[in-house]
N, C-alpha and C. Protein backbone atom coordinates (compact mmCIF):
# COMPACT_ATOMS: atom_id res chain seq x y z
N MET A 1 65.07 -24.48 -1.21
CA MET A 1 64.21 -25.49 -0.64
C MET A 1 64.99 -26.26 0.42
N GLU A 2 64.40 -26.37 1.56
CA GLU A 2 65.06 -27.05 2.66
C GLU A 2 64.72 -28.54 2.63
N LYS A 3 65.74 -29.36 2.69
CA LYS A 3 65.53 -30.81 2.69
C LYS A 3 65.29 -31.27 4.12
N ALA A 4 64.31 -32.15 4.26
CA ALA A 4 64.01 -32.65 5.60
C ALA A 4 63.81 -34.16 5.54
N ILE A 5 64.33 -34.83 6.53
CA ILE A 5 64.17 -36.28 6.63
C ILE A 5 63.50 -36.57 7.97
N LYS A 6 62.48 -37.38 7.91
CA LYS A 6 61.78 -37.76 9.13
C LYS A 6 62.00 -39.26 9.34
N ILE A 7 62.57 -39.64 10.44
CA ILE A 7 62.85 -41.04 10.75
C ILE A 7 61.77 -41.56 11.69
N VAL A 8 61.10 -42.61 11.26
CA VAL A 8 60.05 -43.23 12.08
C VAL A 8 60.30 -44.73 12.13
N LYS A 9 59.79 -45.34 13.17
CA LYS A 9 59.90 -46.79 13.29
C LYS A 9 58.93 -47.45 12.32
N LYS A 10 59.28 -48.64 11.91
CA LYS A 10 58.43 -49.38 10.98
C LYS A 10 57.05 -49.60 11.61
N GLY A 11 56.01 -49.25 10.86
CA GLY A 11 54.66 -49.42 11.35
C GLY A 11 54.11 -48.22 12.10
N HIS A 12 54.94 -47.20 12.34
CA HIS A 12 54.51 -46.02 13.08
C HIS A 12 54.25 -44.81 12.19
N ASP A 13 54.34 -45.00 10.88
CA ASP A 13 54.08 -43.91 9.95
C ASP A 13 52.59 -43.88 9.64
N ASP A 14 51.88 -42.91 10.19
CA ASP A 14 50.43 -42.84 10.05
C ASP A 14 49.97 -42.25 8.73
N SER A 15 50.85 -41.61 7.99
CA SER A 15 50.41 -40.96 6.76
C SER A 15 49.90 -41.97 5.73
N ASN A 16 50.49 -43.13 5.68
CA ASN A 16 50.07 -44.16 4.73
C ASN A 16 48.68 -44.68 5.07
N ILE A 17 48.45 -45.02 6.30
CA ILE A 17 47.14 -45.55 6.72
C ILE A 17 46.06 -44.49 6.61
N LEU A 18 46.40 -43.23 6.90
CA LEU A 18 45.42 -42.16 6.79
C LEU A 18 44.99 -41.95 5.34
N TYR A 19 45.94 -42.10 4.42
CA TYR A 19 45.60 -41.97 3.00
C TYR A 19 44.58 -43.04 2.59
N TRP A 20 44.85 -44.28 2.97
CA TRP A 20 43.96 -45.37 2.58
C TRP A 20 42.59 -45.26 3.25
N LEU A 21 42.54 -44.72 4.46
CA LEU A 21 41.27 -44.56 5.14
C LEU A 21 40.40 -43.47 4.52
N THR A 22 41.02 -42.53 3.82
CA THR A 22 40.23 -41.47 3.18
C THR A 22 39.56 -41.93 1.89
N LEU A 23 40.01 -43.06 1.35
CA LEU A 23 39.45 -43.56 0.09
C LEU A 23 38.21 -44.41 0.34
N THR A 24 37.31 -44.44 -0.64
CA THR A 24 36.18 -45.34 -0.58
C THR A 24 36.67 -46.74 -0.94
N TYR A 25 35.84 -47.74 -0.69
CA TYR A 25 36.31 -49.10 -0.98
C TYR A 25 36.49 -49.31 -2.48
N GLU A 26 35.69 -48.61 -3.32
CA GLU A 26 35.88 -48.73 -4.77
C GLU A 26 37.23 -48.16 -5.18
N GLN A 27 37.59 -47.02 -4.58
CA GLN A 27 38.88 -46.42 -4.90
C GLN A 27 40.03 -47.29 -4.40
N ARG A 28 39.87 -47.90 -3.23
CA ARG A 28 40.91 -48.80 -2.71
C ARG A 28 41.12 -49.99 -3.64
N LEU A 29 40.00 -50.57 -4.09
CA LEU A 29 40.11 -51.71 -5.00
C LEU A 29 40.75 -51.31 -6.32
N ALA A 30 40.40 -50.12 -6.82
CA ALA A 30 41.00 -49.64 -8.07
C ALA A 30 42.50 -49.44 -7.90
N GLU A 31 42.92 -48.86 -6.78
CA GLU A 31 44.35 -48.67 -6.51
C GLU A 31 45.06 -50.01 -6.36
N LEU A 32 44.43 -50.94 -5.68
CA LEU A 32 45.01 -52.27 -5.50
C LEU A 32 45.19 -52.97 -6.84
N GLN A 33 44.20 -52.85 -7.71
CA GLN A 33 44.29 -53.45 -9.04
C GLN A 33 45.43 -52.81 -9.84
N LYS A 34 45.57 -51.51 -9.71
CA LYS A 34 46.64 -50.80 -10.42
C LYS A 34 48.01 -51.28 -9.94
N MET A 35 48.17 -51.43 -8.61
CA MET A 35 49.44 -51.92 -8.07
C MET A 35 49.72 -53.35 -8.52
N ARG A 36 48.67 -54.18 -8.54
CA ARG A 36 48.83 -55.56 -8.97
C ARG A 36 49.29 -55.62 -10.43
N GLU A 37 48.69 -54.80 -11.28
CA GLU A 37 49.07 -54.78 -12.69
C GLU A 37 50.51 -54.30 -12.87
N GLU A 38 50.92 -53.30 -12.08
CA GLU A 38 52.30 -52.81 -12.17
C GLU A 38 53.30 -53.88 -11.76
N LEU A 39 53.02 -54.59 -10.67
CA LEU A 39 53.92 -55.65 -10.22
C LEU A 39 53.95 -56.80 -11.21
N ASN A 40 52.82 -57.16 -11.77
CA ASN A 40 52.79 -58.23 -12.77
C ASN A 40 53.59 -57.84 -14.01
N ALA A 41 53.54 -56.57 -14.39
CA ALA A 41 54.31 -56.11 -15.56
C ALA A 41 55.81 -56.20 -15.29
N ILE A 42 56.21 -55.99 -14.03
CA ILE A 42 57.63 -56.05 -13.69
C ILE A 42 58.12 -57.49 -13.57
N TYR A 43 57.40 -58.30 -12.78
CA TYR A 43 57.87 -59.65 -12.48
C TYR A 43 57.46 -60.68 -13.54
N TYR A 44 56.37 -60.47 -14.21
CA TYR A 44 55.88 -61.41 -15.22
C TYR A 44 55.51 -60.66 -16.50
N PRO A 45 56.50 -60.12 -17.20
CA PRO A 45 56.20 -59.27 -18.35
C PRO A 45 55.51 -60.00 -19.51
N ASP A 46 55.75 -61.28 -19.66
CA ASP A 46 55.18 -62.02 -20.78
C ASP A 46 53.84 -62.67 -20.46
N GLN A 47 53.49 -62.75 -19.20
CA GLN A 47 52.27 -63.45 -18.79
C GLN A 47 51.23 -62.45 -18.31
N GLN A 48 50.25 -62.19 -19.13
CA GLN A 48 49.19 -61.27 -18.75
C GLN A 48 48.00 -61.99 -18.16
N ARG A 49 47.76 -63.23 -18.57
CA ARG A 49 46.59 -63.97 -18.12
C ARG A 49 46.98 -65.43 -17.88
N PHE A 50 46.04 -66.17 -17.31
CA PHE A 50 46.26 -67.59 -17.13
C PHE A 50 46.26 -68.28 -18.49
N GLN A 51 47.11 -69.26 -18.63
CA GLN A 51 47.13 -70.02 -19.86
C GLN A 51 46.09 -71.12 -19.79
N ARG A 52 45.45 -71.36 -20.91
CA ARG A 52 44.50 -72.46 -20.98
C ARG A 52 45.16 -73.61 -21.72
N VAL A 53 45.08 -74.76 -21.12
CA VAL A 53 45.69 -75.95 -21.71
C VAL A 53 44.58 -76.95 -21.95
N CYS A 54 44.46 -77.39 -23.18
CA CYS A 54 43.44 -78.38 -23.54
C CYS A 54 44.14 -79.58 -24.15
N ARG A 55 43.63 -80.74 -23.82
CA ARG A 55 44.16 -81.96 -24.39
C ARG A 55 42.99 -82.81 -24.87
N VAL A 56 43.02 -83.20 -26.12
CA VAL A 56 41.97 -84.02 -26.68
C VAL A 56 42.43 -85.47 -26.63
N ILE A 57 41.58 -86.31 -26.04
CA ILE A 57 41.91 -87.72 -25.96
C ILE A 57 40.77 -88.52 -26.56
N LYS A 58 41.07 -89.70 -26.98
CA LYS A 58 40.04 -90.56 -27.55
C LYS A 58 39.66 -91.59 -26.48
N LYS A 59 38.37 -91.64 -26.18
CA LYS A 59 37.88 -92.58 -25.17
C LYS A 59 37.60 -93.92 -25.84
N SER A 60 37.85 -94.96 -25.11
CA SER A 60 37.59 -96.28 -25.65
C SER A 60 36.09 -96.58 -25.58
N GLU A 61 35.66 -97.54 -26.36
CA GLU A 61 34.25 -97.94 -26.36
C GLU A 61 33.85 -98.52 -25.00
N LYS A 62 34.78 -99.20 -24.35
CA LYS A 62 34.50 -99.78 -23.05
C LYS A 62 34.17 -98.68 -22.04
N PHE A 63 34.91 -97.58 -22.10
CA PHE A 63 34.63 -96.47 -21.20
C PHE A 63 33.26 -95.89 -21.49
N ASN A 64 32.94 -95.69 -22.75
CA ASN A 64 31.64 -95.12 -23.13
C ASN A 64 30.49 -96.02 -22.68
N GLN A 65 30.71 -97.34 -22.74
CA GLN A 65 29.66 -98.29 -22.35
C GLN A 65 29.33 -98.15 -20.86
N PHE A 66 30.35 -97.98 -20.03
CA PHE A 66 30.12 -97.91 -18.59
C PHE A 66 29.79 -96.51 -18.10
N SER A 67 30.05 -95.51 -18.90
CA SER A 67 29.81 -94.14 -18.44
C SER A 67 28.38 -93.68 -18.71
N LYS A 68 27.63 -94.41 -19.51
CA LYS A 68 26.26 -94.01 -19.82
C LYS A 68 25.30 -94.51 -18.75
N VAL A 69 24.39 -93.64 -18.36
CA VAL A 69 23.37 -94.01 -17.39
C VAL A 69 22.12 -94.40 -18.17
N PRO A 70 21.55 -95.56 -17.89
CA PRO A 70 20.36 -95.98 -18.63
C PRO A 70 19.20 -95.01 -18.42
N ASP A 71 18.41 -94.82 -19.47
CA ASP A 71 17.27 -93.90 -19.39
C ASP A 71 16.28 -94.33 -18.32
N SER A 72 16.13 -95.64 -18.13
CA SER A 72 15.18 -96.13 -17.13
C SER A 72 15.61 -95.71 -15.73
N ALA A 73 16.91 -95.70 -15.47
CA ALA A 73 17.41 -95.29 -14.15
C ALA A 73 17.13 -93.80 -13.93
N VAL A 74 17.27 -93.00 -14.97
CA VAL A 74 17.00 -91.57 -14.85
C VAL A 74 15.52 -91.34 -14.58
N SER A 75 14.66 -92.01 -15.33
CA SER A 75 13.21 -91.82 -15.14
C SER A 75 12.77 -92.31 -13.76
N ASP A 76 13.34 -93.42 -13.28
CA ASP A 76 13.02 -93.90 -11.93
C ASP A 76 13.42 -92.88 -10.86
N TYR A 77 14.58 -92.29 -11.04
CA TYR A 77 15.08 -91.29 -10.09
C TYR A 77 14.17 -90.07 -10.08
N LEU A 78 13.76 -89.62 -11.26
CA LEU A 78 12.88 -88.45 -11.35
C LEU A 78 11.51 -88.75 -10.73
N LYS A 79 11.01 -89.97 -10.86
CA LYS A 79 9.75 -90.35 -10.23
C LYS A 79 9.85 -90.30 -8.72
N LYS A 80 10.99 -90.77 -8.18
CA LYS A 80 11.20 -90.74 -6.73
C LYS A 80 11.26 -89.30 -6.21
N LEU A 81 11.83 -88.41 -6.97
CA LEU A 81 11.92 -87.01 -6.56
C LEU A 81 10.56 -86.34 -6.55
N SER A 82 9.67 -86.71 -7.47
CA SER A 82 8.38 -86.05 -7.57
C SER A 82 7.40 -86.53 -6.51
N ARG A 83 7.70 -87.60 -5.81
CA ARG A 83 6.77 -88.14 -4.77
C ARG A 83 6.79 -87.32 -3.54
């Protein structure tokens, strides 16, 4: 078997772009997802997904008092919308 090396300038190798142009967009997305998963496995082996962080806090009564909208204000607003 004869070994051959082809030297090309960066950005002038058409074989890569021709390969991607032959694929449908579904195939391109599937390949892109595969590459993304491979890189994530290498660089972030322990992190597969986003972490969810929840914090439970107790609201004061004062906050609850001011955060409630009176029912009359809601009904007035709905009446204005229906006109």
